[in-house]
Amino acid sequence: MFGTLKRIKKAIRERELPWMRILVIAVGLLWLHSAVDKLLDPEYIGGFAGTMSFFALQNPSQLYADFLTGFVVPNAATFAWAIVIGELLVALSLVFGGLTRIGAVGGILLSVNFFFAAGHLSPSTWSLNLLFIAAQVVFLLSREAKVLSVDQLIQAKLTKRFKASKKKALEMFLGAPASSVAAK
């Protein structure tokens, strides 16, 4: 913990900020804002079926419109809660950097569904979801997204205990390069 704080202070002092990690945290905070906004809205759960029906009305994808009206609307409360919980889990994963790759995949899935459900309503909804998808694909593939994260701390601890063959698997799962973690 204190080693991480020292590295952050050194990075700030030497103007070598982990920009990718800052972007990951920013996107995570946007997910958190979205989830909290839904939790604080007393009409979110009750109005979810109506919102999904509205999204389906002029949806250019008949397949997705049918999915909304035939499956989501009849199970509206379940889907409403699943979205809030999903947004919270993605937010926590990205902000703290714990299981960042899984959080990025969850964010991609949410963004793809939001894109197909409501992307046709406005250019900002369409473009924002595409931007989120692109950013989260980068987080999924980037080692830099895991710098100063829980993933990196876990990997540093576990790398010392595993044989070489398992270290590579750990690196693939958590995403933080084992060599740079161990060196710091």
N, C-alpha and C. Protein backbone atom coordinates (compact mmCIF):
# COMPACT_ATOMS: atom_id res chain seq x y z
N MET A 1 0.83 -1.20 0.00
CA MET A 1 0.00 0.00 0.00
C MET A 1 0.87 1.25 0.00
N PHE A 2 1.83 1.31 0.94
CA PHE A 2 2.69 2.51 1.02
C PHE A 2 3.62 2.59 -0.19
N GLY A 3 4.02 1.43 -0.72
CA GLY A 3 4.84 1.43 -1.93
C GLY A 3 4.09 2.04 -3.11
N THR A 4 2.80 1.75 -3.19
CA THR A 4 1.98 2.32 -4.26
C THR A 4 1.86 3.82 -4.10
N LEU A 5 1.65 4.29 -2.88
CA LEU A 5 1.55 5.73 -2.65
C LEU A 5 2.86 6.43 -2.99
N LYS A 6 3.99 5.79 -2.67
CA LYS A 6 5.29 6.38 -3.01
C LYS A 6 5.45 6.47 -4.52
N ARG A 7 5.00 5.41 -5.26
CA ARG A 7 5.10 5.43 -6.71
C ARG A 7 4.23 6.52 -7.31
N ILE A 8 3.04 6.75 -6.74
CA ILE A 8 2.15 7.80 -7.23
C ILE A 8 2.80 9.16 -7.01
N LYS A 9 3.32 9.40 -5.81
CA LYS A 9 3.99 10.68 -5.52
C LYS A 9 5.18 10.90 -6.45
N LYS A 10 5.96 9.85 -6.68
CA LYS A 10 7.12 9.95 -7.57
C LYS A 10 6.67 10.26 -8.99
N ALA A 11 5.60 9.60 -9.46
CA ALA A 11 5.10 9.85 -10.81
C ALA A 11 4.63 11.29 -10.97
N ILE A 12 3.96 11.81 -9.95
CA ILE A 12 3.50 13.20 -10.01
C ILE A 12 4.69 14.15 -10.00
N ARG A 13 5.64 13.88 -9.13
CA ARG A 13 6.82 14.73 -9.02
C ARG A 13 7.61 14.74 -10.33
N GLU A 14 7.73 13.59 -10.97
CA GLU A 14 8.50 13.49 -12.21
C GLU A 14 7.64 13.69 -13.46
N ARG A 15 6.40 14.06 -13.25
CA ARG A 15 5.45 14.31 -14.34
C ARG A 15 5.31 13.11 -15.28
N GLU A 16 5.29 11.93 -14.71
CA GLU A 16 5.09 10.70 -15.47
C GLU A 16 3.79 10.05 -14.99
N LEU A 17 2.70 10.76 -15.20
CA LEU A 17 1.42 10.27 -14.73
C LEU A 17 0.94 9.09 -15.57
N PRO A 18 0.29 8.14 -14.95
CA PRO A 18 -0.26 6.99 -15.68
C PRO A 18 -1.58 7.39 -16.37
N TRP A 19 -1.46 8.03 -17.54
CA TRP A 19 -2.64 8.59 -18.21
C TRP A 19 -3.69 7.55 -18.54
N MET A 20 -3.27 6.36 -18.93
CA MET A 20 -4.26 5.33 -19.25
C MET A 20 -5.06 4.97 -18.00
N ARG A 21 -4.38 4.86 -16.87
CA ARG A 21 -5.07 4.51 -15.62
C ARG A 21 -6.06 5.62 -15.24
N ILE A 22 -5.65 6.87 -15.46
CA ILE A 22 -6.55 8.00 -15.17
C ILE A 22 -7.80 7.92 -16.04
N LEU A 23 -7.63 7.55 -17.31
CA LEU A 23 -8.77 7.40 -18.21
C LEU A 23 -9.68 6.25 -17.76
N VAL A 24 -9.08 5.16 -17.33
CA VAL A 24 -9.87 4.02 -16.83
C VAL A 24 -10.70 4.44 -15.62
N ILE A 25 -10.09 5.16 -14.71
CA ILE A 25 -10.82 5.63 -13.51
C ILE A 25 -11.94 6.58 -13.92
N ALA A 26 -11.68 7.47 -14.87
CA ALA A 26 -12.70 8.42 -15.32
C ALA A 26 -13.91 7.69 -15.91
N VAL A 27 -13.66 6.69 -16.74
CA VAL A 27 -14.77 5.91 -17.32
C VAL A 27 -15.50 5.15 -16.21
N GLY A 28 -14.75 4.61 -15.26
CA GLY A 28 -15.38 3.94 -14.12
C GLY A 28 -16.27 4.87 -13.32
N LEU A 29 -15.82 6.11 -13.14
CA LEU A 29 -16.65 7.09 -12.41
C LEU A 29 -17.91 7.45 -13.19
N LEU A 30 -17.83 7.45 -14.52
CA LEU A 30 -19.04 7.68 -15.32
C LEU A 30 -20.04 6.54 -15.14
N TRP A 31 -19.53 5.30 -15.10
CA TRP A 31 -20.41 4.16 -14.84
C TRP A 31 -21.03 4.26 -13.44
N LEU A 32 -20.22 4.68 -12.48
CA LEU A 32 -20.72 4.84 -11.11
C LEU A 32 -21.81 5.90 -11.05
N HIS A 33 -21.60 7.01 -11.72
CA HIS A 33 -22.60 8.08 -11.76
C HIS A 33 -23.91 7.56 -12.36
N SER A 34 -23.80 6.80 -13.44
CA SER A 34 -24.99 6.25 -14.08
C SER A 34 -25.76 5.31 -13.14
N ALA A 35 -25.04 4.45 -12.44
CA ALA A 35 -25.68 3.50 -11.53
C ALA A 35 -26.33 4.21 -10.35
N VAL A 36 -25.62 5.15 -9.75
CA VAL A 36 -26.15 5.87 -8.59
C VAL A 36 -27.37 6.70 -9.00
N ASP A 37 -27.30 7.30 -10.18
CA ASP A 37 -28.43 8.08 -10.69
C ASP A 37 -29.68 7.21 -10.79
N LYS A 38 -29.51 5.98 -11.27
CA LYS A 38 -30.65 5.05 -11.37
C LYS A 38 -31.14 4.65 -9.99
N LEU A 39 -30.22 4.38 -9.07
CA LEU A 39 -30.61 3.97 -7.72
C LEU A 39 -31.38 5.06 -6.98
N LEU A 40 -31.03 6.30 -7.23
CA LEU A 40 -31.69 7.42 -6.54
C LEU A 40 -32.98 7.86 -7.21
N ASP A 41 -33.25 7.36 -8.40
CA ASP A 41 -34.48 7.72 -9.13
C ASP A 41 -35.61 6.79 -8.70
N PRO A 42 -36.60 7.30 -7.96
CA PRO A 42 -37.68 6.43 -7.48
C PRO A 42 -38.55 5.87 -8.60
N GLU A 43 -38.46 6.42 -9.80
CA GLU A 43 -39.28 5.94 -10.91
C GLU A 43 -38.52 5.02 -11.87
N TYR A 44 -37.25 4.78 -11.60
CA TYR A 44 -36.44 3.98 -12.53
C TYR A 44 -36.99 2.58 -12.72
N ILE A 45 -37.17 1.83 -11.64
CA ILE A 45 -37.62 0.44 -11.75
C ILE A 45 -39.03 0.38 -12.33
N GLY A 46 -39.93 1.19 -11.78
CA GLY A 46 -41.33 1.17 -12.24
C GLY A 46 -41.50 1.65 -13.67
N GLY A 47 -40.64 2.55 -14.12
CA GLY A 47 -40.77 3.09 -15.47
C GLY A 47 -39.92 2.39 -16.51
N PHE A 48 -39.20 1.36 -16.09
CA PHE A 48 -38.27 0.69 -17.00
C PHE A 48 -38.99 0.04 -18.18
N ALA A 49 -40.12 -0.62 -17.94
CA ALA A 49 -40.85 -1.28 -19.03
C ALA A 49 -41.31 -0.26 -20.07
N GLY A 50 -41.80 0.88 -19.62
CA GLY A 50 -42.23 1.93 -20.54
C GLY A 50 -41.07 2.48 -21.36
N THR A 51 -39.92 2.65 -20.71
CA THR A 51 -38.74 3.14 -21.41
C THR A 51 -38.30 2.15 -22.48
N MET A 52 -38.29 0.87 -22.15
CA MET A 52 -37.88 -0.15 -23.12
C MET A 52 -38.88 -0.24 -24.28
N SER A 53 -40.16 -0.09 -23.98
CA SER A 53 -41.18 -0.08 -25.04
C SER A 53 -40.96 1.10 -25.97
N PHE A 54 -40.64 2.25 -25.40
CA PHE A 54 -40.36 3.44 -26.21
C PHE A 54 -39.13 3.21 -27.09
N PHE A 55 -38.07 2.61 -26.53
CA PHE A 55 -36.86 2.33 -27.30
C PHE A 55 -37.17 1.40 -28.48
N ALA A 56 -38.12 0.49 -28.28
CA ALA A 56 -38.45 -0.49 -29.32
C ALA A 56 -39.31 0.09 -30.44
N LEU A 57 -40.05 1.17 -30.16
CA LEU A 57 -41.01 1.71 -31.13
C LEU A 57 -40.42 1.96 -32.51
N GLN A 58 -39.37 2.73 -32.61
CA GLN A 58 -38.78 3.06 -33.90
C GLN A 58 -37.36 2.52 -34.03
N ASN A 59 -37.09 1.46 -33.32
CA ASN A 59 -35.75 0.88 -33.37
C ASN A 59 -35.49 0.34 -34.77
N PRO A 60 -34.39 0.75 -35.41
CA PRO A 60 -34.11 0.28 -36.77
C PRO A 60 -33.81 -1.21 -36.86
N SER A 61 -33.46 -1.83 -35.76
CA SER A 61 -33.21 -3.27 -35.75
C SER A 61 -34.46 -3.98 -35.25
N GLN A 62 -35.17 -4.60 -36.16
CA GLN A 62 -36.39 -5.31 -35.78
C GLN A 62 -36.08 -6.44 -34.80
N LEU A 63 -34.95 -7.09 -35.00
CA LEU A 63 -34.53 -8.17 -34.10
C LEU A 63 -34.37 -7.66 -32.67
N TYR A 64 -33.71 -6.51 -32.51
CA TYR A 64 -33.51 -5.97 -31.17
C TYR A 64 -34.82 -5.43 -30.59
N ALA A 65 -35.66 -4.84 -31.43
CA ALA A 65 -36.96 -4.35 -30.98
C ALA A 65 -37.80 -5.52 -30.46
N ASP A 66 -37.76 -6.64 -31.18
CA ASP A 66 -38.48 -7.83 -30.73
C ASP A 66 -37.92 -8.37 -29.41
N PHE A 67 -36.60 -8.31 -29.27
CA PHE A 67 -35.96 -8.73 -28.01
C PHE A 67 -36.45 -7.85 -26.86
N LEU A 68 -36.50 -6.53 -27.10
CA LEU A 68 -36.96 -5.61 -26.04
C LEU A 68 -38.41 -5.88 -25.66
N THR A 69 -39.29 -5.96 -26.65
CA THR A 69 -40.72 -6.12 -26.34
C THR A 69 -41.08 -7.53 -25.89
N GLY A 70 -40.40 -8.53 -26.43
CA GLY A 70 -40.76 -9.92 -26.11
C GLY A 70 -40.08 -10.49 -24.90
N PHE A 71 -38.91 -9.94 -24.52
CA PHE A 71 -38.16 -10.54 -23.42
C PHE A 71 -37.85 -9.55 -22.30
N VAL A 72 -37.39 -8.36 -22.66
CA VAL A 72 -37.00 -7.39 -21.64
C VAL A 72 -38.22 -6.80 -20.94
N VAL A 73 -39.19 -6.32 -21.71
CA VAL A 73 -40.38 -5.68 -21.10
C VAL A 73 -41.11 -6.62 -20.15
N PRO A 74 -41.37 -7.89 -20.51
CA PRO A 74 -42.05 -8.78 -19.56
C PRO A 74 -41.23 -9.04 -18.27
N ASN A 75 -39.94 -8.85 -18.33
CA ASN A 75 -39.05 -9.06 -17.19
C ASN A 75 -38.37 -7.76 -16.79
N ALA A 76 -39.11 -6.68 -16.86
CA ALA A 76 -38.54 -5.33 -16.73
C ALA A 76 -37.81 -5.12 -15.40
N ALA A 77 -38.39 -5.50 -14.30
CA ALA A 77 -37.75 -5.26 -13.00
C ALA A 77 -36.42 -6.01 -12.90
N THR A 78 -36.40 -7.24 -13.38
CA THR A 78 -35.16 -8.03 -13.35
C THR A 78 -34.07 -7.36 -14.19
N PHE A 79 -34.43 -6.92 -15.38
CA PHE A 79 -33.45 -6.26 -16.25
C PHE A 79 -33.01 -4.92 -15.68
N ALA A 80 -33.94 -4.19 -15.09
CA ALA A 80 -33.59 -2.89 -14.49
C ALA A 80 -32.56 -3.07 -13.39
N TRP A 81 -32.78 -4.05 -12.51
CA TRP A 81 -31.82 -4.32 -11.44
C TRP A 81 -30.51 -4.87 -12.00
N ALA A 82 -30.59 -5.71 -13.02
CA ALA A 82 -29.37 -6.27 -13.62
C ALA A 82 -28.50 -5.16 -14.20
N ILE A 83 -29.12 -4.16 -14.80
CA ILE A 83 -28.36 -3.04 -15.36
C ILE A 83 -27.68 -2.24 -14.25
N VAL A 84 -28.41 -1.93 -13.19
CA VAL A 84 -27.82 -1.17 -12.08
C VAL A 84 -26.67 -1.94 -11.45
N ILE A 85 -26.89 -3.21 -11.18
CA ILE A 85 -25.83 -4.03 -10.57
C ILE A 85 -24.64 -4.15 -11.52
N GLY A 86 -24.91 -4.36 -12.81
CA GLY A 86 -23.84 -4.44 -13.79
C GLY A 86 -23.04 -3.15 -13.86
N GLU A 87 -23.72 -2.01 -13.86
CA GLU A 87 -23.02 -0.73 -13.90
C GLU A 87 -22.17 -0.53 -12.64
N LEU A 88 -22.71 -0.92 -11.49
CA LEU A 88 -21.93 -0.81 -10.25
C LEU A 88 -20.68 -1.69 -10.27
N LEU A 89 -20.83 -2.91 -10.73
CA LEU A 89 -19.69 -3.83 -10.78
C LEU A 89 -18.63 -3.35 -11.77
N VAL A 90 -19.06 -2.86 -12.92
CA VAL A 90 -18.12 -2.31 -13.90
C VAL A 90 -17.41 -1.10 -13.30
N ALA A 91 -18.17 -0.23 -12.65
CA ALA A 91 -17.58 0.97 -12.04
C ALA A 91 -16.53 0.60 -11.00
N LEU A 92 -16.86 -0.30 -10.10
CA LEU A 92 -15.91 -0.69 -9.06
C LEU A 92 -14.67 -1.35 -9.65
N SER A 93 -14.88 -2.20 -10.65
CA SER A 93 -13.76 -2.87 -11.30
C SER A 93 -12.81 -1.87 -11.94
N LEU A 94 -13.36 -0.89 -12.66
CA LEU A 94 -12.51 0.08 -13.35
C LEU A 94 -11.87 1.08 -12.40
N VAL A 95 -12.63 1.57 -11.44
CA VAL A 95 -12.09 2.58 -10.52
C VAL A 95 -10.96 2.01 -9.67
N PHE A 96 -11.17 0.82 -9.11
CA PHE A 96 -10.16 0.24 -8.23
C PHE A 96 -9.16 -0.64 -8.98
N GLY A 97 -9.50 -1.00 -10.20
CA GLY A 97 -8.58 -1.82 -10.98
C GLY A 97 -8.55 -3.26 -10.55
N GLY A 98 -9.65 -3.75 -10.03
CA GLY A 98 -9.76 -5.15 -9.64
C GLY A 98 -10.49 -5.91 -10.72
N LEU A 99 -9.85 -6.92 -11.28
CA LEU A 99 -10.40 -7.69 -12.40
C LEU A 99 -10.82 -6.75 -13.53
N THR A 100 -9.89 -5.88 -13.89
CA THR A 100 -10.14 -4.84 -14.88
C THR A 100 -10.61 -5.41 -16.21
N ARG A 101 -10.02 -6.51 -16.63
CA ARG A 101 -10.43 -7.09 -17.91
C ARG A 101 -11.87 -7.56 -17.87
N ILE A 102 -12.29 -8.17 -16.78
CA ILE A 102 -13.68 -8.61 -16.66
C ILE A 102 -14.61 -7.39 -16.60
N GLY A 103 -14.19 -6.35 -15.88
CA GLY A 103 -14.97 -5.12 -15.84
C GLY A 103 -15.11 -4.48 -17.21
N ALA A 104 -14.03 -4.51 -17.98
CA ALA A 104 -14.08 -3.94 -19.34
C ALA A 104 -15.04 -4.73 -20.22
N VAL A 105 -15.02 -6.05 -20.11
CA VAL A 105 -15.95 -6.88 -20.89
C VAL A 105 -17.39 -6.57 -20.49
N GLY A 106 -17.64 -6.44 -19.18
CA GLY A 106 -18.99 -6.08 -18.72
C GLY A 106 -19.42 -4.72 -19.25
N GLY A 107 -18.50 -3.76 -19.24
CA GLY A 107 -18.81 -2.43 -19.77
C GLY A 107 -19.09 -2.47 -21.26
N ILE A 108 -18.35 -3.29 -21.99
CA ILE A 108 -18.58 -3.44 -23.43
C ILE A 108 -19.97 -4.02 -23.67
N LEU A 109 -20.33 -5.06 -22.92
CA LEU A 109 -21.66 -5.67 -23.09
C LEU A 109 -22.78 -4.68 -22.78
N LEU A 110 -22.63 -3.92 -21.70
CA LEU A 110 -23.64 -2.91 -21.38
C LEU A 110 -23.72 -1.86 -22.48
N SER A 111 -22.58 -1.36 -22.93
CA SER A 111 -22.57 -0.31 -23.95
C SER A 111 -23.14 -0.79 -25.28
N VAL A 112 -22.84 -2.03 -25.66
CA VAL A 112 -23.39 -2.58 -26.91
C VAL A 112 -24.91 -2.65 -26.81
N ASN A 113 -25.41 -3.10 -25.67
CA ASN A 113 -26.87 -3.18 -25.51
C ASN A 113 -27.51 -1.80 -25.48
N PHE A 114 -26.87 -0.84 -24.81
CA PHE A 114 -27.41 0.53 -24.80
C PHE A 114 -27.39 1.10 -26.21
N PHE A 115 -26.34 0.79 -26.98
CA PHE A 115 -26.23 1.26 -28.36
C PHE A 115 -27.40 0.73 -29.19
N PHE A 116 -27.66 -0.57 -29.11
CA PHE A 116 -28.75 -1.14 -29.91
C PHE A 116 -30.13 -0.74 -29.40
N ALA A 117 -30.25 -0.53 -28.10
CA ALA A 117 -31.56 -0.15 -27.55
C ALA A 117 -31.91 1.30 -27.85
N ALA A 118 -30.96 2.22 -27.66
CA ALA A 118 -31.29 3.64 -27.72
C ALA A 118 -30.42 4.46 -28.66
N GLY A 119 -29.48 3.84 -29.32
CA GLY A 119 -28.56 4.58 -30.19
C GLY A 119 -29.26 5.32 -31.30
N HIS A 120 -30.42 4.84 -31.72
CA HIS A 120 -31.15 5.48 -32.81
C HIS A 120 -31.87 6.77 -32.39
N LEU A 121 -31.91 7.05 -31.10
CA LEU A 121 -32.67 8.20 -30.61
C LEU A 121 -31.96 9.53 -30.79
N SER A 122 -30.63 9.52 -30.70
CA SER A 122 -29.90 10.78 -30.88
C SER A 122 -28.44 10.50 -31.23
N PRO A 123 -27.81 11.45 -31.93
CA PRO A 123 -26.40 11.27 -32.26
C PRO A 123 -25.50 11.17 -31.02
N SER A 124 -25.87 11.86 -29.95
CA SER A 124 -25.03 11.81 -28.75
C SER A 124 -25.11 10.44 -28.08
N THR A 125 -26.28 9.83 -28.04
CA THR A 125 -26.41 8.49 -27.46
C THR A 125 -25.64 7.49 -28.31
N TRP A 126 -25.76 7.61 -29.60
CA TRP A 126 -25.07 6.72 -30.54
C TRP A 126 -23.55 6.85 -30.36
N SER A 127 -23.04 8.09 -30.39
CA SER A 127 -21.60 8.29 -30.35
C SER A 127 -21.00 8.00 -28.98
N LEU A 128 -21.71 8.34 -27.91
CA LEU A 128 -21.19 8.09 -26.57
C LEU A 128 -21.02 6.59 -26.32
N ASN A 129 -21.98 5.80 -26.75
CA ASN A 129 -21.86 4.36 -26.56
C ASN A 129 -20.74 3.76 -27.39
N LEU A 130 -20.56 4.26 -28.61
CA LEU A 130 -19.43 3.79 -29.42
C LEU A 130 -18.10 4.19 -28.79
N LEU A 131 -18.03 5.39 -28.23
CA LEU A 131 -16.82 5.84 -27.55
C LEU A 131 -16.52 4.96 -26.33
N PHE A 132 -17.54 4.64 -25.56
CA PHE A 132 -17.36 3.75 -24.40
C PHE A 132 -16.89 2.37 -24.84
N ILE A 133 -17.47 1.85 -25.91
CA ILE A 133 -17.06 0.53 -26.41
C ILE A 133 -15.58 0.57 -26.80
N ALA A 134 -15.19 1.58 -27.56
CA ALA A 134 -13.79 1.68 -28.01
C ALA A 134 -12.84 1.81 -26.82
N ALA A 135 -13.18 2.67 -25.86
CA ALA A 135 -12.32 2.87 -24.70
C ALA A 135 -12.16 1.57 -23.91
N GLN A 136 -13.25 0.85 -23.73
CA GLN A 136 -13.20 -0.36 -22.92
C GLN A 136 -12.49 -1.50 -23.65
N VAL A 137 -12.52 -1.50 -24.98
CA VAL A 137 -11.72 -2.47 -25.73
C VAL A 137 -10.24 -2.17 -25.49
N VAL A 138 -9.88 -0.90 -25.49
CA VAL A 138 -8.49 -0.52 -25.19
C VAL A 138 -8.11 -0.96 -23.78
N PHE A 139 -9.00 -0.75 -22.81
CA PHE A 139 -8.71 -1.17 -21.42
C PHE A 139 -8.52 -2.68 -21.35
N LEU A 140 -9.31 -3.40 -22.10
CA LEU A 140 -9.25 -4.85 -22.11
C LEU A 140 -7.89 -5.34 -22.62
N LEU A 141 -7.36 -4.66 -23.62
CA LEU A 141 -6.13 -5.11 -24.28
C LEU A 141 -4.86 -4.46 -23.73
N SER A 142 -5.00 -3.39 -22.96
CA SER A 142 -3.84 -2.60 -22.54
C SER A 142 -3.32 -3.00 -21.17
N ARG A 143 -2.03 -3.19 -21.08
CA ARG A 143 -1.40 -3.42 -19.78
C ARG A 143 -1.36 -2.14 -18.96
N GLU A 144 -1.24 -1.02 -19.65
CA GLU A 144 -1.14 0.27 -18.96
C GLU A 144 -2.41 0.60 -18.18
N ALA A 145 -3.53 0.01 -18.56
CA ALA A 145 -4.79 0.25 -17.86
C ALA A 145 -4.77 -0.35 -16.45
N LYS A 146 -3.83 -1.23 -16.20
CA LYS A 146 -3.76 -1.90 -14.89
C LYS A 146 -2.68 -1.34 -13.98
N VAL A 147 -1.99 -0.30 -14.42
CA VAL A 147 -0.95 0.32 -13.60
C VAL A 147 -1.61 0.95 -12.36
N LEU A 148 -0.96 0.81 -11.22
CA LEU A 148 -1.48 1.34 -9.95
C LEU A 148 -2.89 0.85 -9.67
N SER A 149 -3.10 -0.44 -9.84
CA SER A 149 -4.42 -1.03 -9.64
C SER A 149 -4.35 -2.20 -8.67
N VAL A 150 -5.52 -2.65 -8.25
CA VAL A 150 -5.60 -3.84 -7.40
C VAL A 150 -5.05 -5.04 -8.17
N ASP A 151 -5.34 -5.12 -9.48
CA ASP A 151 -4.80 -6.22 -10.29
C ASP A 151 -3.28 -6.28 -10.19
N GLN A 152 -2.64 -5.14 -10.27
CA GLN A 152 -1.18 -5.09 -10.22
C GLN A 152 -0.67 -5.51 -8.84
N LEU A 153 -1.35 -5.08 -7.78
CA LEU A 153 -0.93 -5.47 -6.43
C LEU A 153 -1.09 -6.97 -6.20
N ILE A 154 -2.22 -7.52 -6.66
CA ILE A 154 -2.46 -8.96 -6.52
C ILE A 154 -1.42 -9.74 -7.31
N GLN A 155 -1.17 -9.28 -8.52
CA GLN A 155 -0.20 -9.98 -9.35
C GLN A 155 1.19 -9.94 -8.75
N ALA A 156 1.55 -8.81 -8.14
CA ALA A 156 2.87 -8.71 -7.51
C ALA A 156 3.01 -9.73 -6.38
N LYS A 157 1.94 -9.91 -5.61
CA LYS A 157 1.98 -10.87 -4.50
C LYS A 157 2.00 -12.31 -5.01
N LEU A 158 1.14 -12.60 -6.00
CA LEU A 158 1.03 -13.98 -6.46
C LEU A 158 2.19 -14.42 -7.35
N THR A 159 2.79 -13.47 -8.07
CA THR A 159 3.90 -13.80 -8.97
C THR A 159 5.04 -14.46 -8.22
N LYS A 160 5.28 -14.02 -7.00
CA LYS A 160 6.37 -14.58 -6.20
C LYS A 160 6.11 -16.03 -5.82
N ARG A 161 4.86 -16.45 -5.82
CA ARG A 161 4.51 -17.79 -5.35
C ARG A 161 4.35 -18.82 -6.47
N PHE A 162 4.25 -18.37 -7.72
CA PHE A 162 3.96 -19.29 -8.82
C PHE A 162 5.21 -19.63 -9.62
N LYS A 163 5.16 -20.79 -10.25
CA LYS A 163 6.20 -21.20 -11.19
C LYS A 163 6.02 -20.41 -12.48
N ALA A 164 7.01 -20.45 -13.35
CA ALA A 164 7.02 -19.66 -14.59
C ALA A 164 5.79 -19.93 -15.45
N SER A 165 5.36 -21.18 -15.56
CA SER A 165 4.21 -21.50 -16.42
C SER A 165 2.92 -20.86 -15.90
N LYS A 166 2.77 -20.80 -14.60
CA LYS A 166 1.57 -20.20 -14.02
C LYS A 166 1.65 -18.68 -14.01
N LYS A 167 2.85 -18.12 -14.01
CA LYS A 167 3.01 -16.66 -14.04
C LYS A 167 2.44 -16.08 -15.32
N LYS A 168 2.63 -16.77 -16.44
CA LYS A 168 2.12 -16.29 -17.73
C LYS A 168 0.59 -16.31 -17.72
N ALA A 169 0.00 -17.35 -17.16
CA ALA A 169 -1.46 -17.43 -17.07
C ALA A 169 -2.00 -16.31 -16.19
N LEU A 170 -1.32 -16.04 -15.09
CA LEU A 170 -1.72 -14.97 -14.20
C LEU A 170 -1.64 -13.62 -14.91
N GLU A 171 -0.57 -13.44 -15.68
CA GLU A 171 -0.40 -12.19 -16.43
C GLU A 171 -1.52 -12.03 -17.45
N MET A 172 -1.91 -13.11 -18.12
CA MET A 172 -2.99 -13.04 -19.11
C MET A 172 -4.32 -12.71 -18.45
N PHE A 173 -4.57 -13.29 -17.26
CA PHE A 173 -5.84 -13.07 -16.58
C PHE A 173 -5.94 -11.66 -16.00
N LEU A 174 -4.93 -11.25 -15.26
CA LEU A 174 -4.98 -9.95 -14.60
C LEU A 174 -4.53 -8.80 -15.53
N GLY A 175 -3.64 -9.10 -16.44
CA GLY A 175 -3.26 -8.11 -17.43
C GLY A 175 -2.08 -7.23 -17.09
N ALA A 176 -1.68 -7.14 -15.85
CA ALA A 176 -0.52 -6.33 -15.48
C ALA A 176 0.73 -7.15 -15.74
N PRO A 177 1.69 -6.60 -16.45
CA PRO A 177 2.89 -7.38 -16.75
C PRO A 177 3.63 -7.76 -15.48
N ALA A 178 3.88 -9.04 -15.31
CA ALA A 178 4.53 -9.52 -14.08
C ALA A 178 5.91 -8.94 -13.91
N SER A 179 6.64 -8.78 -15.01
CA SER A 179 8.01 -8.29 -14.89
C SER A 179 8.05 -6.87 -14.36
N SER A 180 7.15 -6.01 -14.82
CA SER A 180 7.18 -4.62 -14.33
C SER A 180 6.66 -4.53 -12.91
N VAL A 181 5.77 -5.43 -12.55
CA VAL A 181 5.24 -5.42 -11.18
C VAL A 181 6.32 -5.82 -10.21
N ALA A 182 7.03 -6.88 -10.55
CA ALA A 182 8.06 -7.38 -9.65
C ALA A 182 9.21 -6.41 -9.54
N ALA A 183 9.47 -5.66 -10.61
CA ALA A 183 10.62 -4.75 -10.60
C ALA A 183 10.37 -3.52 -9.75
N LYS A 184 9.14 -3.18 -9.50
CA LYS A 184 8.84 -1.94 -8.78
C LYS A 184 8.69 -2.14 -7.33
